[in-house]
Amino acid sequence: MKIKYFAWIKDITNVEEEVINSIQIKNLDEFKIYIIKKYPDLKKHMEKEILRFAVNQEYITNSTTLNVDDEIAIFPPVSGG
């Protein structure tokens, strides 16, 4: 899976994107658990459910099945002005 991080999430992960080769991650909920273990500073944001996720460039709101060749993007909340 190719993971892309945006805005201040990149500051937490210290990477803009990375590839995760894990067949154990089968859905978005398992992916969130994996990411929290890898980047514990994201836990409070995940718990507040303020982050948005896109799989293969489509926003998702519920846990969805993931494949090893999916691209997952994580976005912080967007503020207008």
Protein backbone atom coordinates (compact mmCIF):
# COMPACT_ATOMS: atom_id res chain seq x y z
CA MET A 1 0.00 0.00 0.00
CA LYS A 2 1.18 3.47 -0.80
CA ILE A 3 0.43 5.92 2.01
CA LYS A 4 0.39 9.69 1.48
CA TYR A 5 0.40 12.21 4.32
CA PHE A 6 -0.73 15.82 3.94
CA ALA A 7 -0.23 19.14 5.80
CA TRP A 8 0.72 18.82 9.48
CA ILE A 9 0.37 15.04 9.35
CA LYS A 10 3.64 15.03 7.36
CA ASP A 11 5.24 16.84 10.29
CA ILE A 12 4.19 14.05 12.65
CA THR A 13 5.31 11.21 10.38
CA ASN A 14 8.37 13.01 8.99
CA VAL A 15 7.56 11.56 5.56
CA GLU A 16 5.34 12.69 2.73
CA GLU A 17 4.65 9.18 1.53
CA GLU A 18 5.72 5.62 2.16
CA VAL A 19 4.97 2.07 1.06
CA ILE A 20 3.67 -0.48 3.54
CA ASN A 21 3.93 -4.13 2.57
CA SER A 22 1.59 -5.78 5.03
CA ILE A 23 -0.93 -8.41 4.08
CA GLN A 24 -2.32 -8.28 7.65
CA ILE A 25 -4.01 -4.93 6.94
CA LYS A 26 -7.32 -5.90 5.38
CA ASN A 27 -9.49 -2.83 6.08
CA LEU A 28 -9.33 0.80 7.14
CA ASP A 29 -9.82 0.01 10.84
CA GLU A 30 -6.79 -2.31 10.82
CA PHE A 31 -4.85 0.34 8.91
CA LYS A 32 -5.64 2.93 11.60
CA ILE A 33 -4.38 0.57 14.31
CA TYR A 34 -1.17 0.00 12.35
CA ILE A 35 -0.59 3.74 11.80
CA ILE A 36 -1.18 4.56 15.47
CA LYS A 37 1.39 1.94 16.47
CA LYS A 38 3.88 3.33 13.96
CA TYR A 39 3.16 7.01 14.73
CA PRO A 40 1.80 7.25 18.30
CA ASP A 41 1.42 11.05 18.03
CA LEU A 42 -1.43 10.48 15.58
CA LYS A 43 -3.48 8.60 18.19
CA LYS A 44 -5.23 11.64 19.67
CA HIS A 45 -6.24 12.81 16.19
CA MET A 46 -7.53 9.36 15.23
CA GLU A 47 -9.53 9.12 18.46
CA LYS A 48 -11.19 12.47 17.75
CA GLU A 49 -12.00 11.20 14.26
CA ILE A 50 -10.95 14.50 12.69
CA LEU A 51 -8.75 12.98 9.98
CA ARG A 52 -10.12 12.21 6.53
CA PHE A 53 -9.09 9.23 4.43
CA ALA A 54 -9.11 8.61 0.71
CA VAL A 55 -8.55 5.24 -0.91
CA ASN A 56 -7.47 5.38 -4.53
CA GLN A 57 -8.36 9.08 -4.65
CA GLU A 58 -11.90 8.65 -3.32
CA TYR A 59 -12.90 9.91 0.12
CA ILE A 60 -14.31 7.24 2.39
CA THR A 61 -16.29 7.61 5.60
CA ASN A 62 -16.55 4.03 6.82
CA SER A 63 -14.10 1.20 7.10
CA THR A 64 -13.55 -0.32 3.72
CA THR A 65 -11.67 -3.36 2.45
CA LEU A 66 -8.10 -2.59 1.43
CA ASN A 67 -5.83 -4.29 -1.08
CA VAL A 68 -2.03 -4.33 -1.13
CA ASP A 69 -1.95 -2.14 -4.24
CA ASP A 70 -4.24 0.59 -2.85
CA GLU A 71 -3.18 4.18 -2.31
CA ILE A 72 -4.31 5.65 1.00
CA ALA A 73 -4.20 9.37 1.67
CA ILE A 74 -4.61 10.93 5.11
CA PHE A 75 -5.82 14.52 5.36
CA PRO A 76 -6.27 16.83 8.33
CA PRO A 77 -9.44 18.88 8.67
CA VAL A 78 -9.73 21.69 6.16
CA SER A 79 -10.48 25.20 7.34
CA GLY A 80 -11.88 27.88 5.13
CA GLY A 81 -11.13 31.53 5.04
